[in-house]
Amino acid sequence: MKAGKKEKKQVSLVEAWNKEHQPGLDVIVVKDDQTEEHTKTRSEAFMLGVCRDYPGHTAMIQLDGIRGCYMLERVRPA
């Protein structure tokens, strides 16, 4: 599967985030119910859905106190 515009944009988000930020950063995440929560990152940003030559489809990050991961677009430094 070939990467399109959307995938390339998401990869760029991951690269930019990881260049500027380290795990342990204080952040604010917009949760599913649209409330905001202060937390810290516990991973670098990464692409979800990576498979062979396909770079993945969504930029994600893991956060303290939150199970799973969140879309990077919903996270910002505090």
PDB file of N, CA and C in Angstrom:
ATOM      1  N   MET A   1       0.852  -1.184   0.000  1.00  0.00           N
ATOM      2  CA  MET A   1       0.000   0.000   0.000  1.00  0.00           C
ATOM      3  C   MET A   1       0.896   1.244   0.000  1.00  0.00           C
ATOM      4  N   LYS A   2       0.565   2.188  -0.807  1.00  0.00           N
ATOM      5  CA  LYS A   2       1.355   3.409  -0.950  1.00  0.00           C
ATOM      6  C   LYS A   2       0.839   4.507  -0.015  1.00  0.00           C
ATOM      7  N   ALA A   3       1.763   5.262   0.536  1.00  0.00           N
ATOM      8  CA  ALA A   3       1.395   6.369   1.423  1.00  0.00           C
ATOM      9  C   ALA A   3       0.858   7.529   0.605  1.00  0.00           C
ATOM     10  N   GLY A   4      -0.260   8.088   1.050  1.00  0.00           N
ATOM     11  CA  GLY A   4      -0.847   9.256   0.410  1.00  0.00           C
ATOM     12  C   GLY A   4      -0.517  10.519   1.188  1.00  0.00           C
ATOM     13  N   LYS A   5      -1.205  11.593   0.817  1.00  0.00           N
ATOM     14  CA  LYS A   5      -0.987  12.901   1.465  1.00  0.00           C
ATOM     15  C   LYS A   5      -1.248  12.847   2.969  1.00  0.00           C
ATOM     16  N   LYS A   6      -2.363  12.202   3.350  1.00  0.00           N
ATOM     17  CA  LYS A   6      -2.726  12.130   4.774  1.00  0.00           C
ATOM     18  C   LYS A   6      -1.646  11.414   5.574  1.00  0.00           C
ATOM     19  N   GLU A   7      -1.179  10.290   5.056  1.00  0.00           N
ATOM     20  CA  GLU A   7      -0.161   9.524   5.765  1.00  0.00           C
ATOM     21  C   GLU A   7       1.143  10.320   5.877  1.00  0.00           C
ATOM     22  N   LYS A   8       1.528  10.992   4.808  1.00  0.00           N
ATOM     23  CA  LYS A   8       2.758  11.785   4.838  1.00  0.00           C
ATOM     24  C   LYS A   8       2.662  12.917   5.856  1.00  0.00           C
ATOM     25  N   LYS A   9       1.476  13.530   5.961  1.00  0.00           N
ATOM     26  CA  LYS A   9       1.271  14.590   6.959  1.00  0.00           C
ATOM     27  C   LYS A   9       1.427  14.026   8.370  1.00  0.00           C
ATOM     28  N   GLN A  10       0.873  12.844   8.609  1.00  0.00           N
ATOM     29  CA  GLN A  10       0.960  12.225   9.928  1.00  0.00           C
ATOM     30  C   GLN A  10       2.405  11.868  10.273  1.00  0.00           C
ATOM     31  N   VAL A  11       3.145  11.336   9.304  1.00  0.00           N
ATOM     32  CA  VAL A  11       4.561  11.013   9.532  1.00  0.00           C
ATOM     33  C   VAL A  11       5.330  12.285   9.871  1.00  0.00           C
ATOM     34  N   SER A  12       5.029  13.382   9.204  1.00  0.00           N
ATOM     35  CA  SER A  12       5.690  14.658   9.489  1.00  0.00           C
ATOM     36  C   SER A  12       5.405  15.131  10.909  1.00  0.00           C
ATOM     37  N   LEU A  13       4.164  14.924  11.373  1.00  0.00           N
ATOM     38  CA  LEU A  13       3.811  15.286  12.752  1.00  0.00           C
ATOM     39  C   LEU A  13       4.662  14.512  13.753  1.00  0.00           C
ATOM     40  N   VAL A  14       4.795  13.214  13.522  1.00  0.00           N
ATOM     41  CA  VAL A  14       5.594  12.367  14.415  1.00  0.00           C
ATOM     42  C   VAL A  14       7.048  12.834  14.429  1.00  0.00           C
ATOM     43  N   GLU A  15       7.606  13.042  13.254  1.00  0.00           N
ATOM     44  CA  GLU A  15       9.006  13.460  13.169  1.00  0.00           C
ATOM     45  C   GLU A  15       9.244  14.797  13.869  1.00  0.00           C
ATOM     46  N   ALA A  16       8.352  15.757  13.647  1.00  0.00           N
ATOM     47  CA  ALA A  16       8.500  17.079  14.273  1.00  0.00           C
ATOM     48  C   ALA A  16       8.362  16.977  15.789  1.00  0.00           C
ATOM     49  N   TRP A  17       7.369  16.226  16.260  1.00  0.00           N
ATOM     50  CA  TRP A  17       7.160  16.076  17.705  1.00  0.00           C
ATOM     51  C   TRP A  17       8.402  15.472  18.358  1.00  0.00           C
ATOM     52  N   ASN A  18       8.883  14.365  17.797  1.00  0.00           N
ATOM     53  CA  ASN A  18      10.019  13.667  18.401  1.00  0.00           C
ATOM     54  C   ASN A  18      11.306  14.483  18.338  1.00  0.00           C
ATOM     55  N   LYS A  19      11.430  15.354  17.363  1.00  0.00           N
ATOM     56  CA  LYS A  19      12.596  16.216  17.261  1.00  0.00           C
ATOM     57  C   LYS A  19      12.589  17.265  18.382  1.00  0.00           C
ATOM     58  N   GLU A  20      11.407  17.749  18.753  1.00  0.00           N
ATOM     59  CA  GLU A  20      11.272  18.835  19.726  1.00  0.00           C
ATOM     60  C   GLU A  20      11.025  18.373  21.162  1.00  0.00           C
ATOM     61  N   HIS A  21      10.499  17.163  21.359  1.00  0.00           N
ATOM     62  CA  HIS A  21      10.048  16.733  22.688  1.00  0.00           C
ATOM     63  C   HIS A  21      10.552  15.340  23.049  1.00  0.00           C
ATOM     64  N   GLN A  22      10.817  15.160  24.334  1.00  0.00           N
ATOM     65  CA  GLN A  22      11.232  13.873  24.878  1.00  0.00           C
ATOM     66  C   GLN A  22      10.091  13.290  25.719  1.00  0.00           C
ATOM     67  N   PRO A  23      10.048  11.957  25.890  1.00  0.00           N
ATOM     68  CA  PRO A  23       9.077  11.365  26.817  1.00  0.00           C
ATOM     69  C   PRO A  23       9.230  11.993  28.200  1.00  0.00           C
ATOM     70  N   GLY A  24       8.122  12.134  28.913  1.00  0.00           N
ATOM     71  CA  GLY A  24       8.124  12.766  30.230  1.00  0.00           C
ATOM     72  C   GLY A  24       7.687  14.220  30.190  1.00  0.00           C
ATOM     73  N   LEU A  25       7.339  14.713  29.010  1.00  0.00           N
ATOM     74  CA  LEU A  25       6.906  16.099  28.842  1.00  0.00           C
ATOM     75  C   LEU A  25       5.525  16.320  29.457  1.00  0.00           C
ATOM     76  N   ASP A  26       5.349  17.424  30.180  1.00  0.00           N
ATOM     77  CA  ASP A  26       4.023  17.821  30.672  1.00  0.00           C
ATOM     78  C   ASP A  26       3.185  18.253  29.481  1.00  0.00           C
ATOM     79  N   VAL A  27       1.989  17.658  29.366  1.00  0.00           N
ATOM     80  CA  VAL A  27       1.107  17.953  28.234  1.00  0.00           C
ATOM     81  C   VAL A  27      -0.338  18.090  28.687  1.00  0.00           C
ATOM     82  N   ILE A  28      -1.155  18.598  27.782  1.00  0.00           N
ATOM     83  CA  ILE A  28      -2.608  18.634  27.947  1.00  0.00           C
ATOM     84  C   ILE A  28      -3.188  17.806  26.809  1.00  0.00           C
ATOM     85  N   VAL A  29      -4.083  16.895  27.145  1.00  0.00           N
ATOM     86  CA  VAL A  29      -4.736  16.062  26.142  1.00  0.00           C
ATOM     87  C   VAL A  29      -6.222  16.379  26.131  1.00  0.00           C
ATOM     88  N   VAL A  30      -6.807  16.477  24.956  1.00  0.00           N
ATOM     89  CA  VAL A  30      -8.259  16.628  24.813  1.00  0.00           C
ATOM     90  C   VAL A  30      -8.826  15.216  24.722  1.00  0.00           C
ATOM     91  N   LYS A  31      -9.562  14.821  25.765  1.00  0.00           N
ATOM     92  CA  LYS A  31     -10.100  13.462  25.845  1.00  0.00           C
ATOM     93  C   LYS A  31     -11.325  13.297  24.954  1.00  0.00           C
ATOM     94  N   ASP A  32     -11.821  12.071  24.863  1.00  0.00           N
ATOM     95  CA  ASP A  32     -12.962  11.758  23.996  1.00  0.00           C
ATOM     96  C   ASP A  32     -14.211  12.557  24.338  1.00  0.00           C
ATOM     97  N   ASP A  33     -14.384  12.888  25.633  1.00  0.00           N
ATOM     98  CA  ASP A  33     -15.566  13.660  26.046  1.00  0.00           C
ATOM     99  C   ASP A  33     -15.325  15.170  25.940  1.00  0.00           C
ATOM    100  N   GLN A  34     -14.232  15.558  25.272  1.00  0.00           N
ATOM    101  CA  GLN A  34     -13.832  16.954  25.023  1.00  0.00           C
ATOM    102  C   GLN A  34     -13.311  17.687  26.253  1.00  0.00           C
ATOM    103  N   THR A  35     -13.151  17.000  27.388  1.00  0.00           N
ATOM    104  CA  THR A  35     -12.508  17.617  28.541  1.00  0.00           C
ATOM    105  C   THR A  35     -10.999  17.568  28.339  1.00  0.00           C
ATOM    106  N   GLU A  36     -10.286  18.456  29.014  1.00  0.00           N
ATOM    107  CA  GLU A  36      -8.834  18.481  28.932  1.00  0.00           C
ATOM    108  C   GLU A  36      -8.247  17.917  30.209  1.00  0.00           C
ATOM    109  N   GLU A  37      -7.145  17.187  30.060  1.00  0.00           N
ATOM    110  CA  GLU A  37      -6.480  16.597  31.224  1.00  0.00           C
ATOM    111  C   GLU A  37      -4.983  16.871  31.126  1.00  0.00           C
ATOM    112  N   HIS A  38      -4.399  17.292  32.262  1.00  0.00           N
ATOM    113  CA  HIS A  38      -2.949  17.456  32.340  1.00  0.00           C
ATOM    114  C   HIS A  38      -2.338  16.101  32.647  1.00  0.00           C
ATOM    115  N   THR A  39      -1.275  15.744  31.936  1.00  0.00           N
ATOM    116  CA  THR A  39      -0.575  14.485  32.149  1.00  0.00           C
ATOM    117  C   THR A  39       0.840  14.626  31.604  1.00  0.00           C
ATOM    118  N   LYS A  40       1.533  13.509  31.474  1.00  0.00           N
ATOM    119  CA  LYS A  40       2.877  13.496  30.890  1.00  0.00           C
ATOM    120  C   LYS A  40       2.925  12.436  29.795  1.00  0.00           C
ATOM    121  N   THR A  41       3.789  12.664  28.828  1.00  0.00           N
ATOM    122  CA  THR A  41       3.990  11.635  27.803  1.00  0.00           C
ATOM    123  C   THR A  41       4.827  10.514  28.389  1.00  0.00           C
ATOM    124  N   ARG A  42       4.571   9.293  27.945  1.00  0.00           N
ATOM    125  CA  ARG A  42       5.392   8.167  28.388  1.00  0.00           C
ATOM    126  C   ARG A  42       6.006   7.410  27.221  1.00  0.00           C
ATOM    127  N   SER A  43       5.926   8.008  26.039  1.00  0.00           N
ATOM    128  CA  SER A  43       6.577   7.427  24.862  1.00  0.00           C
ATOM    129  C   SER A  43       6.930   8.544  23.898  1.00  0.00           C
ATOM    130  N   GLU A  44       7.703   8.192  22.893  1.00  0.00           N
ATOM    131  CA  GLU A  44       7.851   9.074  21.749  1.00  0.00           C
ATOM    132  C   GLU A  44       6.575   8.933  20.925  1.00  0.00           C
ATOM    133  N   ALA A  45       6.334   9.868  20.038  1.00  0.00           N
ATOM    134  CA  ALA A  45       5.221   9.743  19.104  1.00  0.00           C
ATOM    135  C   ALA A  45       5.558   8.621  18.112  1.00  0.00           C
ATOM    136  N   PHE A  46       4.525   7.971  17.595  1.00  0.00           N
ATOM    137  CA  PHE A  46       4.726   6.864  16.657  1.00  0.00           C
ATOM    138  C   PHE A  46       3.537   6.771  15.710  1.00  0.00           C
ATOM    139  N   MET A  47       3.722   6.021  14.642  1.00  0.00           N
ATOM    140  CA  MET A  47       2.661   5.827  13.656  1.00  0.00           C
ATOM    141  C   MET A  47       1.919   4.527  13.947  1.00  0.00           C
ATOM    142  N   LEU A  48       0.611   4.595  13.957  1.00  0.00           N
ATOM    143  CA  LEU A  48      -0.234   3.423  14.127  1.00  0.00           C
ATOM    144  C   LEU A  48      -0.506   2.810  12.757  1.00  0.00           C
ATOM    145  N   GLY A  49      -0.428   1.511  12.648  1.00  0.00           N
ATOM    146  CA  GLY A  49      -0.760   0.821  11.411  1.00  0.00           C
ATOM    147  C   GLY A  49       0.410   0.596  10.471  1.00  0.00           C
ATOM    148  N   VAL A  50       1.635   0.680  10.994  1.00  0.00           N
ATOM    149  CA  VAL A  50       2.813   0.451  10.152  1.00  0.00           C
ATOM    150  C   VAL A  50       2.831  -0.996   9.691  1.00  0.00           C
ATOM    151  N   CYS A  51       3.089  -1.202   8.400  1.00  0.00           N
ATOM    152  CA  CYS A  51       3.109  -2.553   7.844  1.00  0.00           C
ATOM    153  C   CYS A  51       3.989  -2.566   6.599  1.00  0.00           C
ATOM    154  N   ARG A  52       5.075  -3.293   6.652  1.00  0.00           N
ATOM    155  CA  ARG A  52       6.025  -3.408   5.537  1.00  0.00           C
ATOM    156  C   ARG A  52       6.412  -2.042   4.993  1.00  0.00           C
ATOM    157  N   ASP A  53       6.021  -1.722   3.756  1.00  0.00           N
ATOM    158  CA  ASP A  53       6.407  -0.443   3.162  1.00  0.00           C
ATOM    159  C   ASP A  53       5.377   0.656   3.387  1.00  0.00           C
ATOM    160  N   TYR A  54       4.316   0.355   4.133  1.00  0.00           N
ATOM    161  CA  TYR A  54       3.295   1.350   4.457  1.00  0.00           C
ATOM    162  C   TYR A  54       3.678   2.018   5.777  1.00  0.00           C
ATOM    163  N   PRO A  55       3.756   3.361   5.796  1.00  0.00           N
ATOM    164  CA  PRO A  55       4.259   4.058   6.993  1.00  0.00           C
ATOM    165  C   PRO A  55       3.274   4.157   8.153  1.00  0.00           C
ATOM    166  N   GLY A  56       2.058   3.696   7.983  1.00  0.00           N
ATOM    167  CA  GLY A  56       1.039   3.834   9.013  1.00  0.00           C
ATOM    168  C   GLY A  56       0.054   4.923   8.637  1.00  0.00           C
ATOM    169  N   HIS A  57      -0.987   5.088   9.479  1.00  0.00           N
ATOM    170  CA  HIS A  57      -2.061   6.014   9.112  1.00  0.00           C
ATOM    171  C   HIS A  57      -2.351   7.110  10.121  1.00  0.00           C
ATOM    172  N   THR A  58      -1.956   6.945  11.386  1.00  0.00           N
ATOM    173  CA  THR A  58      -2.307   7.936  12.402  1.00  0.00           C
ATOM    174  C   THR A  58      -1.157   8.141  13.380  1.00  0.00           C
ATOM    175  N   ALA A  59      -0.811   9.412  13.637  1.00  0.00           N
ATOM    176  CA  ALA A  59       0.216   9.759  14.620  1.00  0.00           C
ATOM    177  C   ALA A  59      -0.370   9.591  16.023  1.00  0.00           C
ATOM    178  N   MET A  60       0.339   8.843  16.876  1.00  0.00           N
ATOM    179  CA  MET A  60      -0.151   8.525  18.217  1.00  0.00           C
ATOM    180  C   MET A  60       0.937   8.764  19.254  1.00  0.00           C
ATOM    181  N   ILE A  61       0.507   8.789  20.546  1.00  0.00           N
ATOM    182  CA  ILE A  61       1.453   8.901  21.660  1.00  0.00           C
ATOM    183  C   ILE A  61       0.817   8.271  22.895  1.00  0.00           C
ATOM    184  N   GLN A  62       1.656   7.706  23.771  1.00  0.00           N
ATOM    185  CA  GLN A  62       1.173   7.127  25.024  1.00  0.00           C
ATOM    186  C   GLN A  62       1.336   8.154  26.131  1.00  0.00           C
ATOM    187  N   LEU A  63       0.358   8.159  27.065  1.00  0.00           N
ATOM    188  CA  LEU A  63       0.307   9.157  28.132  1.00  0.00           C
ATOM    189  C   LEU A  63       0.175   8.497  29.494  1.00  0.00           C
ATOM    190  N   ASP A  64       0.779   9.112  30.517  1.00  0.00           N
ATOM    191  CA  ASP A  64       0.665   8.610  31.890  1.00  0.00           C
ATOM    192  C   ASP A  64      -0.794   8.621  32.333  1.00  0.00           C
ATOM    193  N   GLY A  65      -1.210   7.539  32.984  1.00  0.00           N
ATOM    194  CA  GLY A  65      -2.536   7.470  33.572  1.00  0.00           C
ATOM    195  C   GLY A  65      -3.656   7.244  32.576  1.00  0.00           C
ATOM    196  N   ILE A  66      -3.322   7.050  31.316  1.00  0.00           N
ATOM    197  CA  ILE A  66      -4.341   6.829  30.287  1.00  0.00           C
ATOM    198  C   ILE A  66      -3.983   5.539  29.559  1.00  0.00           C
ATOM    199  N   ARG A  67      -4.904   4.597  29.566  1.00  0.00           N
ATOM    200  CA  ARG A  67      -4.669   3.316  28.924  1.00  0.00           C
ATOM    201  C   ARG A  67      -4.662   3.480  27.409  1.00  0.00           C
ATOM    202  N   GLY A  68      -3.791   2.752  26.750  1.00  0.00           N
ATOM    203  CA  GLY A  68      -3.709   2.822  25.299  1.00  0.00           C
ATOM    204  C   GLY A  68      -2.929   4.048  24.861  1.00  0.00           C
ATOM    205  N   CYS A  69      -3.369   4.655  23.784  1.00  0.00           N
ATOM    206  CA  CYS A  69      -2.672   5.823  23.257  1.00  0.00           C
ATOM    207  C   CYS A  69      -3.688   6.826  22.701  1.00  0.00           C
ATOM    208  N   TYR A  70      -3.208   8.034  22.476  1.00  0.00           N
ATOM    209  CA  TYR A  70      -4.072   9.098  21.953  1.00  0.00           C
ATOM    210  C   TYR A  70      -3.492   9.652  20.666  1.00  0.00           C
ATOM    211  N   MET A  71      -4.365  10.179  19.827  1.00  0.00           N
ATOM    212  CA  MET A  71      -3.916  10.824  18.601  1.00  0.00           C
ATOM    213  C   MET A  71      -3.045  12.019  18.982  1.00  0.00           C
ATOM    214  N   LEU A  72      -1.920  12.143  18.335  1.00  0.00           N
ATOM    215  CA  LEU A  72      -0.977  13.208  18.622  1.00  0.00           C
ATOM    216  C   LEU A  72      -1.604  14.582  18.391  1.00  0.00           C
ATOM    217  N   GLU A  73      -2.529  14.665  17.461  1.00  0.00           N
ATOM    218  CA  GLU A  73      -3.195  15.954  17.179  1.00  0.00           C
ATOM    219  C   GLU A  73      -4.025  16.463  18.356  1.00  0.00           C
ATOM    220  N   ARG A  74      -4.315  15.573  19.333  1.00  0.00           N
ATOM    221  CA  ARG A  74      -5.117  15.966  20.487  1.00  0.00           C
ATOM    222  C   ARG A  74      -4.264  16.260  21.722  1.00  0.00           C
ATOM    223  N   VAL A  75      -2.943  16.313  21.535  1.00  0.00           N
ATOM    224  CA  VAL A  75      -2.002  16.525  22.636  1.00  0.00           C
ATOM    225  C   VAL A  75      -1.173  17.770  22.341  1.00  0.00           C
ATOM    226  N   ARG A  76      -0.970  18.589  23.370  1.00  0.00           N
ATOM    227  CA  ARG A  76      -0.113  19.778  23.227  1.00  0.00           C
ATOM    228  C   ARG A  76       0.684  19.980  24.503  1.00  0.00           C
ATOM    229  N   PRO A  77       1.878  20.564  24.364  1.00  0.00           N
ATOM    230  CA  PRO A  77       2.668  20.835  25.571  1.00  0.00           C
ATOM    231  C   PRO A  77       1.909  21.741  26.529  1.00  0.00           C
ATOM    232  N   ALA A  78       2.069  21.486  27.829  1.00  0.00           N
ATOM    233  CA  ALA A  78       1.384  22.300  28.846  1.00  0.00           C
ATOM    234  C   ALA A  78       2.115  23.601  29.072  1.00  0.00           C
TER     235      ALA A  78
END
